[in-house]
């Protein structure tokens, strides 16, 4: 299960969030080499880790093995503050119910969780959370090859601008819609037969600030898993480039 952490319940998960900051440093700085995010205390946090950020955390045997973050696009986010040149002056979808998908990564040694790869569990949880929280869509800065992967896994993808090279890596901004059919496609491809989300009792939807987060009323059982498409890029680098200037 993937833990949802917001400003409301972060104090209850203080130890887990401390593990998250260290996990992010190990993954993005030590593993991927994003040295501009390095810190002396071995914790990777940036100016976008505000109370409005939503954290999704995968743990296995009390160890963080996967993580991602969602940022509301009506507030400062990476595309608006760090990578605006990707858009060549054009606008992009921004609203209180459109989020930016950032800092998505799983540990190389995470292995399987309930017979599902940790990375597959994580990305399915992002989509399921969008439906639970009524997030309309996501902005993603990603490698162009991952656009094919997104299409294969059921997303409706709109390319927002031509790819640009950033820190030696081609990056393209895209908008992806959150749909039930995409979730069902994820489940089918990855063999997921249950909800991926751990929702604390009484957790308020951070998108509208009013309603309670609840599991989807019914998610159709996944069909037999089909052979997924794996692009020839590291999944760990599928979101954003090096993050230069984000801290």
C-alpha atoms as a PDB file:
ATOM      1  CA  UNK A   1       0.000   0.000   0.000  1.00  0.00           C
ATOM      2  CA  UNK A   2       1.076   3.560  -0.705  1.00  0.00           C
ATOM      3  CA  UNK A   3       0.817   6.047   2.159  1.00  0.00           C
ATOM      4  CA  UNK A   4      -0.731   9.454   1.458  1.00  0.00           C
ATOM      5  CA  UNK A   5       0.894  12.255   3.454  1.00  0.00           C
ATOM      6  CA  UNK A   6      -0.406  15.829   3.501  1.00  0.00           C
ATOM      7  CA  UNK A   7      -0.054  18.795   5.841  1.00  0.00           C
ATOM      8  CA  UNK A   8      -2.875  17.310   7.928  1.00  0.00           C
ATOM      9  CA  UNK A   9      -1.163  14.046   8.848  1.00  0.00           C
ATOM     10  CA  UNK A  10       2.551  14.786   8.355  1.00  0.00           C
ATOM     11  CA  UNK A  11       3.146  15.141  12.114  1.00  0.00           C
ATOM     12  CA  UNK A  12       1.700  11.663  12.649  1.00  0.00           C
ATOM     13  CA  UNK A  13       4.186  10.368  10.069  1.00  0.00           C
ATOM     14  CA  UNK A  14       7.164  12.447  11.165  1.00  0.00           C
ATOM     15  CA  UNK A  15       9.561   9.472  11.238  1.00  0.00           C
ATOM     16  CA  UNK A  16       8.394   8.314   7.819  1.00  0.00           C
ATOM     17  CA  UNK A  17       8.897  11.782   6.339  1.00  0.00           C
ATOM     18  CA  UNK A  18      12.395  11.910   7.801  1.00  0.00           C
ATOM     19  CA  UNK A  19      13.058   8.644   5.961  1.00  0.00           C
ATOM     20  CA  UNK A  20      11.601  10.244   2.811  1.00  0.00           C
ATOM     21  CA  UNK A  21      14.026  13.188   2.896  1.00  0.00           C
ATOM     22  CA  UNK A  22      16.947  10.785   3.271  1.00  0.00           C
ATOM     23  CA  UNK A  23      15.567   8.470   0.578  1.00  0.00           C
ATOM     24  CA  UNK A  24      15.284  11.390  -1.833  1.00  0.00           C
ATOM     25  CA  UNK A  25      18.909  12.336  -1.184  1.00  0.00           C
ATOM     26  CA  UNK A  26      20.119   8.778  -1.751  1.00  0.00           C
ATOM     27  CA  UNK A  27      18.127   8.422  -4.949  1.00  0.00           C
ATOM     28  CA  UNK A  28      18.401  11.807  -6.629  1.00  0.00           C
ATOM     29  CA  UNK A  29      21.805  12.952  -5.389  1.00  0.00           C
ATOM     30  CA  UNK A  30      23.769   9.748  -4.794  1.00  0.00           C
ATOM     31  CA  UNK A  31      22.186   7.538  -7.463  1.00  0.00           C
ATOM     32  CA  UNK A  32      21.196   9.976 -10.235  1.00  0.00           C
ATOM     33  CA  UNK A  33      23.943  12.490  -9.565  1.00  0.00           C
ATOM     34  CA  UNK A  34      21.844  15.631  -9.062  1.00  0.00           C
ATOM     35  CA  UNK A  35      24.690  17.233  -7.087  1.00  0.00           C
ATOM     36  CA  UNK A  36      23.063  20.664  -6.944  1.00  0.00           C
ATOM     37  CA  UNK A  37      20.524  19.136  -4.532  1.00  0.00           C
ATOM     38  CA  UNK A  38      23.190  17.743  -2.195  1.00  0.00           C
ATOM     39  CA  UNK A  39      23.044  18.702   1.468  1.00  0.00           C
ATOM     40  CA  UNK A  40      25.414  18.171   4.367  1.00  0.00           C
ATOM     41  CA  UNK A  41      22.727  16.458   6.441  1.00  0.00           C
ATOM     42  CA  UNK A  42      21.875  13.905   3.744  1.00  0.00           C
ATOM     43  CA  UNK A  43      18.283  15.148   3.398  1.00  0.00           C
ATOM     44  CA  UNK A  44      16.865  16.332   0.064  1.00  0.00           C
ATOM     45  CA  UNK A  45      14.168  18.980   0.435  1.00  0.00           C
ATOM     46  CA  UNK A  46      13.374  21.973  -1.725  1.00  0.00           C
ATOM     47  CA  UNK A  47      11.276  25.127  -1.641  1.00  0.00           C
ATOM     48  CA  UNK A  48       8.294  23.254  -3.102  1.00  0.00           C
ATOM     49  CA  UNK A  49       7.962  20.976  -0.071  1.00  0.00           C
ATOM     50  CA  UNK A  50       5.329  23.260   1.394  1.00  0.00           C
ATOM     51  CA  UNK A  51       2.184  22.417   3.332  1.00  0.00           C
ATOM     52  CA  UNK A  52       0.372  22.245  -0.011  1.00  0.00           C
ATOM     53  CA  UNK A  53       2.580  19.420  -1.361  1.00  0.00           C
ATOM     54  CA  UNK A  54       1.169  15.886  -1.445  1.00  0.00           C
ATOM     55  CA  UNK A  55       3.548  12.996  -0.776  1.00  0.00           C
ATOM     56  CA  UNK A  56       2.965   9.363  -1.792  1.00  0.00           C
ATOM     57  CA  UNK A  57       5.291   6.884  -0.114  1.00  0.00           C
ATOM     58  CA  UNK A  58       5.906   3.189  -0.753  1.00  0.00           C
ATOM     59  CA  UNK A  59       7.412   1.256   2.159  1.00  0.00           C
ATOM     60  CA  UNK A  60       8.580  -2.323   2.437  1.00  0.00           C
ATOM     61  CA  UNK A  61       9.712  -3.916   5.706  1.00  0.00           C
ATOM     62  CA  UNK A  62       9.708  -0.471   7.360  1.00  0.00           C
ATOM     63  CA  UNK A  63      11.978   0.945   4.633  1.00  0.00           C
ATOM     64  CA  UNK A  64      11.037   3.583   2.048  1.00  0.00           C
ATOM     65  CA  UNK A  65      11.433   2.045  -1.419  1.00  0.00           C
ATOM     66  CA  UNK A  66       9.388   4.430  -3.557  1.00  0.00           C
ATOM     67  CA  UNK A  67       8.239   8.016  -3.487  1.00  0.00           C
ATOM     68  CA  UNK A  68       6.627  10.788  -5.497  1.00  0.00           C
ATOM     69  CA  UNK A  69       5.263  14.282  -4.930  1.00  0.00           C
ATOM     70  CA  UNK A  70       2.354  16.244  -6.383  1.00  0.00           C
ATOM     71  CA  UNK A  71       2.345  20.062  -6.570  1.00  0.00           C
ATOM     72  CA  UNK A  72      -0.714  22.187  -7.270  1.00  0.00           C
ATOM     73  CA  UNK A  73      -0.228  24.133 -10.508  1.00  0.00           C
ATOM     74  CA  UNK A  74      -2.218  27.140  -9.281  1.00  0.00           C
ATOM     75  CA  UNK A  75       0.698  27.624  -6.866  1.00  0.00           C
ATOM     76  CA  UNK A  76       4.439  27.878  -7.635  1.00  0.00           C
ATOM     77  CA  UNK A  77       5.727  24.616  -9.121  1.00  0.00           C
ATOM     78  CA  UNK A  78       8.729  23.419 -11.093  1.00  0.00           C
ATOM     79  CA  UNK A  79       7.442  24.288 -14.561  1.00  0.00           C
ATOM     80  CA  UNK A  80       6.488  27.801 -13.465  1.00  0.00           C
ATOM     81  CA  UNK A  81       9.576  28.566 -11.382  1.00  0.00           C
ATOM     82  CA  UNK A  82      12.437  26.332 -12.590  1.00  0.00           C
ATOM     83  CA  UNK A  83      11.725  25.180 -16.154  1.00  0.00           C
ATOM     84  CA  UNK A  84       9.548  27.923 -17.741  1.00  0.00           C
ATOM     85  CA  UNK A  85      11.849  27.975 -20.783  1.00  0.00           C
ATOM     86  CA  UNK A  86      10.464  24.545 -21.714  1.00  0.00           C
ATOM     87  CA  UNK A  87       7.264  26.293 -22.789  1.00  0.00           C
ATOM     88  CA  UNK A  88       8.853  28.977 -25.021  1.00  0.00           C
ATOM     89  CA  UNK A  89       6.529  31.598 -23.551  1.00  0.00           C
ATOM     90  CA  UNK A  90       3.368  29.548 -24.087  1.00  0.00           C
ATOM     91  CA  UNK A  91       0.900  28.851 -21.294  1.00  0.00           C
ATOM     92  CA  UNK A  92      -0.019  25.420 -19.933  1.00  0.00           C
ATOM     93  CA  UNK A  93      -2.966  23.961 -17.990  1.00  0.00           C
ATOM     94  CA  UNK A  94      -2.981  25.441 -14.487  1.00  0.00           C
ATOM     95  CA  UNK A  95      -5.774  25.125 -11.945  1.00  0.00           C
ATOM     96  CA  UNK A  96      -6.439  24.104  -8.358  1.00  0.00           C
ATOM     97  CA  UNK A  97      -7.337  20.600  -9.563  1.00  0.00           C
ATOM     98  CA  UNK A  98      -4.355  20.178 -11.909  1.00  0.00           C
ATOM     99  CA  UNK A  99      -1.121  19.047 -10.279  1.00  0.00           C
ATOM    100  CA  UNK A 100       2.495  18.650 -11.312  1.00  0.00           C
ATOM    101  CA  UNK A 101       3.969  15.163 -10.872  1.00  0.00           C
ATOM    102  CA  UNK A 102       7.554  15.406  -9.572  1.00  0.00           C
ATOM    103  CA  UNK A 103      10.313  13.541  -7.708  1.00  0.00           C
ATOM    104  CA  UNK A 104       9.040  10.122  -8.773  1.00  0.00           C
ATOM    105  CA  UNK A 105      11.451   7.264  -8.115  1.00  0.00           C
ATOM    106  CA  UNK A 106      11.719   3.749  -6.729  1.00  0.00           C
ATOM    107  CA  UNK A 107      14.727   2.007  -5.231  1.00  0.00           C
ATOM    108  CA  UNK A 108      16.588  -0.255  -7.641  1.00  0.00           C
ATOM    109  CA  UNK A 109      16.518  -3.032  -5.029  1.00  0.00           C
ATOM    110  CA  UNK A 110      12.891  -2.566  -3.997  1.00  0.00           C
ATOM    111  CA  UNK A 111      11.808  -5.902  -5.476  1.00  0.00           C
ATOM    112  CA  UNK A 112       8.183  -6.990  -5.450  1.00  0.00           C
ATOM    113  CA  UNK A 113       5.377  -5.920  -3.145  1.00  0.00           C
ATOM    114  CA  UNK A 114       2.437  -8.311  -3.256  1.00  0.00           C
ATOM    115  CA  UNK A 115       3.935  -9.672  -6.503  1.00  0.00           C
ATOM    116  CA  UNK A 116       3.979  -6.199  -8.092  1.00  0.00           C
ATOM    117  CA  UNK A 117       7.068  -4.134  -8.876  1.00  0.00           C
ATOM    118  CA  UNK A 118       7.369  -1.189  -6.502  1.00  0.00           C
ATOM    119  CA  UNK A 119       7.624   1.261  -9.409  1.00  0.00           C
ATOM    120  CA  UNK A 120       4.410  -0.090 -10.946  1.00  0.00           C
ATOM    121  CA  UNK A 121       2.651   0.109  -7.589  1.00  0.00           C
ATOM    122  CA  UNK A 122       3.759   3.719  -7.192  1.00  0.00           C
ATOM    123  CA  UNK A 123       2.661   5.012 -10.589  1.00  0.00           C
ATOM    124  CA  UNK A 124      -0.675   3.206 -10.281  1.00  0.00           C
ATOM    125  CA  UNK A 125      -1.159   4.799  -6.865  1.00  0.00           C
ATOM    126  CA  UNK A 126      -0.625   8.250  -8.383  1.00  0.00           C
ATOM    127  CA  UNK A 127      -3.425   7.653 -10.862  1.00  0.00           C
ATOM    128  CA  UNK A 128      -5.717   6.129  -8.256  1.00  0.00           C
ATOM    129  CA  UNK A 129      -5.081   9.078  -5.934  1.00  0.00           C
ATOM    130  CA  UNK A 130      -5.975  11.509  -8.704  1.00  0.00           C
ATOM    131  CA  UNK A 131      -9.343   9.807  -9.094  1.00  0.00           C
ATOM    132  CA  UNK A 132      -9.927   9.619  -5.329  1.00  0.00           C
ATOM    133  CA  UNK A 133      -9.008  13.290  -4.822  1.00  0.00           C
ATOM    134  CA  UNK A 134     -10.711  14.445  -8.037  1.00  0.00           C
ATOM    135  CA  UNK A 135      -7.530  15.752  -9.631  1.00  0.00           C
ATOM    136  CA  UNK A 136      -8.349  16.468 -13.255  1.00  0.00           C
ATOM    137  CA  UNK A 137      -4.895  15.959 -14.711  1.00  0.00           C
ATOM    138  CA  UNK A 138      -1.147  16.136 -14.247  1.00  0.00           C
ATOM    139  CA  UNK A 139       1.689  18.183 -15.712  1.00  0.00           C
ATOM    140  CA  UNK A 140       4.864  16.149 -16.205  1.00  0.00           C
ATOM    141  CA  UNK A 141       8.327  17.116 -17.443  1.00  0.00           C
ATOM    142  CA  UNK A 142       9.730  13.868 -18.761  1.00  0.00           C
ATOM    143  CA  UNK A 143      11.971  12.095 -21.262  1.00  0.00           C
ATOM    144  CA  UNK A 144      10.322  11.946 -24.721  1.00  0.00           C
ATOM    145  CA  UNK A 145      10.585   8.137 -24.773  1.00  0.00           C
ATOM    146  CA  UNK A 146       8.349   7.991 -21.724  1.00  0.00           C
ATOM    147  CA  UNK A 147       5.502   9.547 -23.718  1.00  0.00           C
ATOM    148  CA  UNK A 148       5.141   6.232 -25.570  1.00  0.00           C
ATOM    149  CA  UNK A 149       5.117   4.439 -22.232  1.00  0.00           C
ATOM    150  CA  UNK A 150       2.372   6.731 -20.944  1.00  0.00           C
ATOM    151  CA  UNK A 151       0.255   6.055 -24.020  1.00  0.00           C
ATOM    152  CA  UNK A 152       0.817   2.306 -23.643  1.00  0.00           C
ATOM    153  CA  UNK A 153      -0.383   2.424 -20.039  1.00  0.00           C
ATOM    154  CA  UNK A 154      -3.635   4.141 -20.938  1.00  0.00           C
ATOM    155  CA  UNK A 155      -2.998   7.833 -20.343  1.00  0.00           C
ATOM    156  CA  UNK A 156      -4.432  10.494 -22.592  1.00  0.00           C
ATOM    157  CA  UNK A 157      -1.320  12.548 -23.298  1.00  0.00           C
ATOM    158  CA  UNK A 158      -1.078  16.080 -24.693  1.00  0.00           C
ATOM    159  CA  UNK A 159       2.422  17.282 -25.586  1.00  0.00           C
ATOM    160  CA  UNK A 160       2.690  20.922 -24.534  1.00  0.00           C
ATOM    161  CA  UNK A 161       5.923  21.925 -26.296  1.00  0.00           C
ATOM    162  CA  UNK A 162       8.803  20.502 -28.302  1.00  0.00           C
ATOM    163  CA  UNK A 163      11.541  18.655 -26.350  1.00  0.00           C
ATOM    164  CA  UNK A 164      14.510  20.655 -25.085  1.00  0.00           C
ATOM    165  CA  UNK A 165      17.827  19.453 -23.725  1.00  0.00           C
ATOM    166  CA  UNK A 166      18.357  20.192 -20.053  1.00  0.00           C
ATOM    167  CA  UNK A 167      21.539  19.129 -18.284  1.00  0.00           C
ATOM    168  CA  UNK A 168      22.291  16.794 -21.160  1.00  0.00           C
ATOM    169  CA  UNK A 169      18.869  15.098 -21.069  1.00  0.00           C
ATOM    170  CA  UNK A 170      15.959  15.695 -23.492  1.00  0.00           C
ATOM    171  CA  UNK A 171      12.869  16.844 -21.610  1.00  0.00           C
ATOM    172  CA  UNK A 172       9.337  17.413 -22.885  1.00  0.00           C
ATOM    173  CA  UNK A 173       6.416  18.918 -20.924  1.00  0.00           C
ATOM    174  CA  UNK A 174       3.151  17.008 -21.230  1.00  0.00           C
ATOM    175  CA  UNK A 175      -0.343  17.062 -19.769  1.00  0.00           C
ATOM    176  CA  UNK A 176      -1.965  13.751 -18.886  1.00  0.00           C
ATOM    177  CA  UNK A 177      -5.600  13.299 -17.964  1.00  0.00           C
ATOM    178  CA  UNK A 178      -6.614  11.144 -15.017  1.00  0.00           C
ATOM    179  CA  UNK A 179      -9.257   8.618 -16.094  1.00  0.00           C
ATOM    180  CA  UNK A 180     -10.767   5.424 -14.733  1.00  0.00           C
ATOM    181  CA  UNK A 181      -9.924   3.621 -17.969  1.00  0.00           C
ATOM    182  CA  UNK A 182      -6.240   4.481 -17.487  1.00  0.00           C
ATOM    183  CA  UNK A 183      -6.372   3.091 -13.944  1.00  0.00           C
ATOM    184  CA  UNK A 184      -7.953  -0.122 -15.194  1.00  0.00           C
ATOM    185  CA  UNK A 185      -5.264  -0.381 -17.865  1.00  0.00           C
ATOM    186  CA  UNK A 186      -2.554   0.014 -15.201  1.00  0.00           C
ATOM    187  CA  UNK A 187      -4.153  -2.703 -13.116  1.00  0.00           C
ATOM    188  CA  UNK A 188      -4.362  -5.042 -16.078  1.00  0.00           C
ATOM    189  CA  UNK A 189      -0.779  -4.513 -17.187  1.00  0.00           C
ATOM    190  CA  UNK A 190       0.771  -4.734 -13.732  1.00  0.00           C
ATOM    191  CA  UNK A 191      -1.445  -7.403 -12.158  1.00  0.00           C
ATOM    192  CA  UNK A 192      -2.817  -5.121  -9.432  1.00  0.00           C
ATOM    193  CA  UNK A 193      -6.040  -6.492  -7.961  1.00  0.00           C
ATOM    194  CA  UNK A 194      -6.675  -4.151  -5.040  1.00  0.00           C
ATOM    195  CA  UNK A 195      -6.501  -0.513  -4.030  1.00  0.00           C
ATOM    196  CA  UNK A 196      -2.939   0.760  -3.842  1.00  0.00           C
ATOM    197  CA  UNK A 197      -3.694   3.529  -1.334  1.00  0.00           C
ATOM    198  CA  UNK A 198      -3.373   3.704   2.446  1.00  0.00           C
ATOM    199  CA  UNK A 199      -5.813   6.431   3.516  1.00  0.00           C
ATOM    200  CA  UNK A 200      -5.662   7.509   7.157  1.00  0.00           C
ATOM    201  CA  UNK A 201      -9.024   7.745   8.892  1.00  0.00           C
ATOM    202  CA  UNK A 202     -10.402  11.262   8.733  1.00  0.00           C
ATOM    203  CA  UNK A 203      -7.901  12.467   6.131  1.00  0.00           C
ATOM    204  CA  UNK A 204      -9.336  15.489   4.316  1.00  0.00           C
ATOM    205  CA  UNK A 205      -8.988  15.789   0.578  1.00  0.00           C
ATOM    206  CA  UNK A 206      -6.122  18.295   0.141  1.00  0.00           C
ATOM    207  CA  UNK A 207      -7.454  19.316  -3.275  1.00  0.00           C
ATOM    208  CA  UNK A 208     -10.757  20.806  -2.070  1.00  0.00           C
ATOM    209  CA  UNK A 209      -9.910  21.103   1.646  1.00  0.00           C
ATOM    210  CA  UNK A 210     -13.386  19.905   2.675  1.00  0.00           C
ATOM    211  CA  UNK A 211     -14.373  16.370   1.772  1.00  0.00           C
ATOM    212  CA  UNK A 212     -12.877  13.228   3.258  1.00  0.00           C
ATOM    213  CA  UNK A 213     -10.628  11.067   1.130  1.00  0.00           C
ATOM    214  CA  UNK A 214     -12.274   7.713   0.495  1.00  0.00           C
ATOM    215  CA  UNK A 215     -11.376   4.731  -1.614  1.00  0.00           C
ATOM    216  CA  UNK A 216     -13.116   4.470  -4.956  1.00  0.00           C
ATOM    217  CA  UNK A 217     -16.539   2.800  -4.575  1.00  0.00           C
ATOM    218  CA  UNK A 218     -15.567   0.000  -6.936  1.00  0.00           C
ATOM    219  CA  UNK A 219     -12.557  -0.709  -9.062  1.00  0.00           C
ATOM    220  CA  UNK A 220     -13.079  -3.471 -11.593  1.00  0.00           C
ATOM    221  CA  UNK A 221     -10.891  -6.523 -10.950  1.00  0.00           C
ATOM    222  CA  UNK A 222      -7.798  -6.466 -13.109  1.00  0.00           C
ATOM    223  CA  UNK A 223      -7.653  -8.830 -16.026  1.00  0.00           C
ATOM    224  CA  UNK A 224      -4.702 -11.112 -16.465  1.00  0.00           C
ATOM    225  CA  UNK A 225      -1.568  -9.010 -16.696  1.00  0.00           C
ATOM    226  CA  UNK A 226      -0.327  -8.339 -20.205  1.00  0.00           C
ATOM    227  CA  UNK A 227       3.272  -7.768 -21.203  1.00  0.00           C
ATOM    228  CA  UNK A 228       4.073  -4.124 -20.368  1.00  0.00           C
ATOM    229  CA  UNK A 229       6.069  -1.769 -22.549  1.00  0.00           C
ATOM    230  CA  UNK A 230       9.479  -0.859 -21.114  1.00  0.00           C
ATOM    231  CA  UNK A 231      11.253   2.070 -22.812  1.00  0.00           C
ATOM    232  CA  UNK A 232      15.024   2.130 -22.922  1.00  0.00           C
ATOM    233  CA  UNK A 233      15.383   4.826 -20.271  1.00  0.00           C
ATOM    234  CA  UNK A 234      15.844   4.595 -16.539  1.00  0.00           C
ATOM    235  CA  UNK A 235      12.458   4.764 -14.794  1.00  0.00           C
ATOM    236  CA  UNK A 236      14.174   6.656 -12.015  1.00  0.00           C
ATOM    237  CA  UNK A 237      14.723   9.593 -14.343  1.00  0.00           C
ATOM    238  CA  UNK A 238      11.246   9.687 -15.871  1.00  0.00           C
ATOM    239  CA  UNK A 239      10.170  12.810 -14.014  1.00  0.00           C
ATOM    240  CA  UNK A 240      11.935  16.130 -14.566  1.00  0.00           C
ATOM    241  CA  UNK A 241      15.620  16.623 -15.284  1.00  0.00           C
ATOM    242  CA  UNK A 242      18.244  17.320 -12.650  1.00  0.00           C
ATOM    243  CA  UNK A 243      16.070  19.741 -10.719  1.00  0.00           C
ATOM    244  CA  UNK A 244      18.636  22.538 -11.012  1.00  0.00           C
ATOM    245  CA  UNK A 245      17.409  25.581  -9.135  1.00  0.00           C
ATOM    246  CA  UNK A 246      14.593  23.781  -7.349  1.00  0.00           C
ATOM    247  CA  UNK A 247      16.142  23.821  -3.888  1.00  0.00           C
END
